[in-house]
Amino acid sequence: MAFHALEVSLALVPSLKEPVAVIARTNADLARQIRRAASSIALNVAEGRRRNGGDRIHLWRVAAGSAGEVVAALEAAVSWGDIGSSDIAEPLALLDRINAMLYKMTHKK
């Protein structure tokens, strides 16, 4: 599951390029935050793959937090009028997949 989560988190990056470029025209700080948080998802999933025990789960929870941050930032950009909601449909769909995978990874029984 972690390998697929990493693949999807890396696929998120190119899906964000155009929306982030549009957002950056009117809100450079928010665009930078989206870039940092999106990178954090992939980095924490990858690092978690190499860890054991609770350390691994912690990193995947951090990745989930970053995914939530990207969702909120995109929704805020729509609310500010920086971008249209249809322009963020693809990254939001990928973030939904990532969040579902991370939930399964952090809530194993």
C-alpha atoms as a PDB file:
ATOM      1  CA  MET A   1       0.000   0.000   0.000  1.00  0.00           C
ATOM      2  CA  ALA A   2       2.818   2.453   0.855  1.00  0.00           C
ATOM      3  CA  PHE A   3       4.327   2.021  -2.603  1.00  0.00           C
ATOM      4  CA  HIS A   4       1.018   2.939  -4.257  1.00  0.00           C
ATOM      5  CA  ALA A   5       0.576   5.882  -1.901  1.00  0.00           C
ATOM      6  CA  LEU A   6       4.001   7.135  -2.946  1.00  0.00           C
ATOM      7  CA  GLU A   7       3.146   6.737  -6.641  1.00  0.00           C
ATOM      8  CA  VAL A   8      -0.096   8.684  -6.232  1.00  0.00           C
ATOM      9  CA  SER A   9       1.561  11.376  -4.116  1.00  0.00           C
ATOM     10  CA  LEU A  10       4.182  11.844  -6.837  1.00  0.00           C
ATOM     11  CA  ALA A  11       1.434  11.978  -9.491  1.00  0.00           C
ATOM     12  CA  LEU A  12      -0.147  14.777  -7.471  1.00  0.00           C
ATOM     13  CA  VAL A  13       2.800  17.098  -8.159  1.00  0.00           C
ATOM     14  CA  PRO A  14       2.330  17.480 -11.939  1.00  0.00           C
ATOM     15  CA  SER A  15      -1.435  17.808 -11.441  1.00  0.00           C
ATOM     16  CA  LEU A  16      -0.744  20.827  -9.222  1.00  0.00           C
ATOM     17  CA  LYS A  17       1.663  22.633 -11.559  1.00  0.00           C
ATOM     18  CA  GLU A  18      -0.909  24.631 -13.508  1.00  0.00           C
ATOM     19  CA  PRO A  19      -3.276  25.356 -10.598  1.00  0.00           C
ATOM     20  CA  VAL A  20      -0.338  26.496  -8.436  1.00  0.00           C
ATOM     21  CA  ALA A  21       0.959  28.721 -11.250  1.00  0.00           C
ATOM     22  CA  VAL A  22      -2.482  30.342 -11.516  1.00  0.00           C
ATOM     23  CA  ILE A  23      -2.759  30.778  -7.731  1.00  0.00           C
ATOM     24  CA  ALA A  24       0.760  32.258  -7.596  1.00  0.00           C
ATOM     25  CA  ARG A  25      -0.328  35.169  -9.809  1.00  0.00           C
ATOM     26  CA  THR A  26      -2.535  36.528  -7.030  1.00  0.00           C
ATOM     27  CA  ASN A  27      -1.383  34.694  -3.894  1.00  0.00           C
ATOM     28  CA  ALA A  28       2.289  33.739  -4.000  1.00  0.00           C
ATOM     29  CA  ASP A  29       2.377  32.757  -0.311  1.00  0.00           C
ATOM     30  CA  LEU A  30      -0.468  30.280  -0.710  1.00  0.00           C
ATOM     31  CA  ALA A  31       1.153  28.821  -3.830  1.00  0.00           C
ATOM     32  CA  ARG A  32       4.417  28.273  -1.932  1.00  0.00           C
ATOM     33  CA  GLN A  33       2.532  26.629   0.925  1.00  0.00           C
ATOM     34  CA  ILE A  34       0.800  24.250  -1.486  1.00  0.00           C
ATOM     35  CA  ARG A  35       4.163  23.299  -2.993  1.00  0.00           C
ATOM     36  CA  ARG A  36       5.685  22.639   0.452  1.00  0.00           C
ATOM     37  CA  ALA A  37       2.718  20.623   1.712  1.00  0.00           C
ATOM     38  CA  ALA A  38       2.440  18.563  -1.491  1.00  0.00           C
ATOM     39  CA  SER A  39       6.146  17.744  -1.316  1.00  0.00           C
ATOM     40  CA  SER A  40       5.730  16.813   2.341  1.00  0.00           C
ATOM     41  CA  ILE A  41       3.167  14.168   1.422  1.00  0.00           C
ATOM     42  CA  ALA A  42       5.573  12.288  -0.853  1.00  0.00           C
ATOM     43  CA  LEU A  43       8.571  12.769   1.434  1.00  0.00           C
ATOM     44  CA  ASN A  44       6.803  11.466   4.535  1.00  0.00           C
ATOM     45  CA  VAL A  45       5.253   8.496   2.711  1.00  0.00           C
ATOM     46  CA  ALA A  46       8.695   7.573   1.362  1.00  0.00           C
ATOM     47  CA  GLU A  47      10.397   7.983   4.718  1.00  0.00           C
ATOM     48  CA  GLY A  48       7.671   5.982   6.447  1.00  0.00           C
ATOM     49  CA  ARG A  49       8.257   3.087   4.051  1.00  0.00           C
ATOM     50  CA  ARG A  50      11.769   2.770   5.486  1.00  0.00           C
ATOM     51  CA  ARG A  51      10.777   2.953   9.144  1.00  0.00           C
ATOM     52  CA  ASN A  52       9.300   0.447  11.552  1.00  0.00           C
ATOM     53  CA  GLY A  53       6.652   0.481  14.252  1.00  0.00           C
ATOM     54  CA  GLY A  54       5.066   3.660  15.523  1.00  0.00           C
ATOM     55  CA  ASP A  55       7.641   5.812  13.758  1.00  0.00           C
ATOM     56  CA  ARG A  56       6.248   4.622  10.420  1.00  0.00           C
ATOM     57  CA  ILE A  57       2.648   5.358  11.416  1.00  0.00           C
ATOM     58  CA  HIS A  58       3.640   8.811  12.687  1.00  0.00           C
ATOM     59  CA  LEU A  59       5.203   9.747   9.334  1.00  0.00           C
ATOM     60  CA  TRP A  60       2.135   8.542   7.452  1.00  0.00           C
ATOM     61  CA  ARG A  61      -0.044  10.634   9.767  1.00  0.00           C
ATOM     62  CA  VAL A  62       2.129  13.651   8.997  1.00  0.00           C
ATOM     63  CA  ALA A  63       1.651  12.900   5.282  1.00  0.00           C
ATOM     64  CA  ALA A  64      -2.115  12.766   5.848  1.00  0.00           C
ATOM     65  CA  GLY A  65      -1.955  16.113   7.627  1.00  0.00           C
ATOM     66  CA  SER A  66      -0.084  17.607   4.690  1.00  0.00           C
ATOM     67  CA  ALA A  67      -2.658  16.178   2.290  1.00  0.00           C
ATOM     68  CA  GLY A  68      -5.392  17.843   4.328  1.00  0.00           C
ATOM     69  CA  GLU A  69      -3.410  21.063   4.188  1.00  0.00           C
ATOM     70  CA  VAL A  70      -3.221  20.939   0.376  1.00  0.00           C
ATOM     71  CA  VAL A  71      -6.978  20.317   0.154  1.00  0.00           C
ATOM     72  CA  ALA A  72      -7.686  23.270   2.440  1.00  0.00           C
ATOM     73  CA  ALA A  73      -5.268  25.515   0.543  1.00  0.00           C
ATOM     74  CA  LEU A  74      -6.875  24.678  -2.800  1.00  0.00           C
ATOM     75  CA  GLU A  75     -10.334  25.275  -1.371  1.00  0.00           C
ATOM     76  CA  ALA A  76      -9.137  28.574   0.126  1.00  0.00           C
ATOM     77  CA  ALA A  77      -7.772  29.615  -3.271  1.00  0.00           C
ATOM     78  CA  VAL A  78     -11.216  28.976  -4.765  1.00  0.00           C
ATOM     79  CA  SER A  79     -12.839  30.951  -1.950  1.00  0.00           C
ATOM     80  CA  TRP A  80     -10.453  33.859  -2.543  1.00  0.00           C
ATOM     81  CA  GLY A  81     -11.260  33.755  -6.258  1.00  0.00           C
ATOM     82  CA  ASP A  82      -7.669  32.925  -7.180  1.00  0.00           C
ATOM     83  CA  ILE A  83      -8.778  29.887  -9.201  1.00  0.00           C
ATOM     84  CA  GLY A  84     -11.961  28.170 -10.321  1.00  0.00           C
ATOM     85  CA  SER A  85     -13.205  24.994  -8.656  1.00  0.00           C
ATOM     86  CA  SER A  86     -13.088  23.080 -11.949  1.00  0.00           C
ATOM     87  CA  ASP A  87      -9.358  23.873 -12.173  1.00  0.00           C
ATOM     88  CA  ILE A  88      -8.590  21.870  -9.043  1.00  0.00           C
ATOM     89  CA  ALA A  89     -10.741  18.799  -9.764  1.00  0.00           C
ATOM     90  CA  GLU A  90      -7.827  16.543 -10.752  1.00  0.00           C
ATOM     91  CA  PRO A  91      -5.588  17.312  -7.771  1.00  0.00           C
ATOM     92  CA  LEU A  92      -8.549  17.007  -5.397  1.00  0.00           C
ATOM     93  CA  ALA A  93      -9.354  13.556  -6.825  1.00  0.00           C
ATOM     94  CA  LEU A  94      -5.745  12.462  -6.305  1.00  0.00           C
ATOM     95  CA  LEU A  95      -5.755  13.891  -2.785  1.00  0.00           C
ATOM     96  CA  ASP A  96      -8.919  11.926  -2.041  1.00  0.00           C
ATOM     97  CA  ARG A  97      -7.125   8.733  -3.141  1.00  0.00           C
ATOM     98  CA  ILE A  98      -4.053   9.608  -1.103  1.00  0.00           C
ATOM     99  CA  ASN A  99      -6.138  10.322   1.995  1.00  0.00           C
ATOM    100  CA  ALA A 100      -7.980   7.004   1.618  1.00  0.00           C
ATOM    101  CA  MET A 101      -4.700   5.099   1.318  1.00  0.00           C
ATOM    102  CA  LEU A 102      -3.138   6.907   4.255  1.00  0.00           C
ATOM    103  CA  TYR A 103      -6.218   6.244   6.363  1.00  0.00           C
ATOM    104  CA  LYS A 104      -5.908   2.517   5.668  1.00  0.00           C
ATOM    105  CA  MET A 105      -2.183   2.636   6.373  1.00  0.00           C
ATOM    106  CA  THR A 106      -2.636   4.369   9.735  1.00  0.00           C
ATOM    107  CA  HIS A 107      -5.736   2.511  10.914  1.00  0.00           C
ATOM    108  CA  LYS A 108      -4.728  -1.119  10.403  1.00  0.00           C
ATOM    109  CA  LYS A 109      -6.249  -3.552  12.849  1.00  0.00           C
END
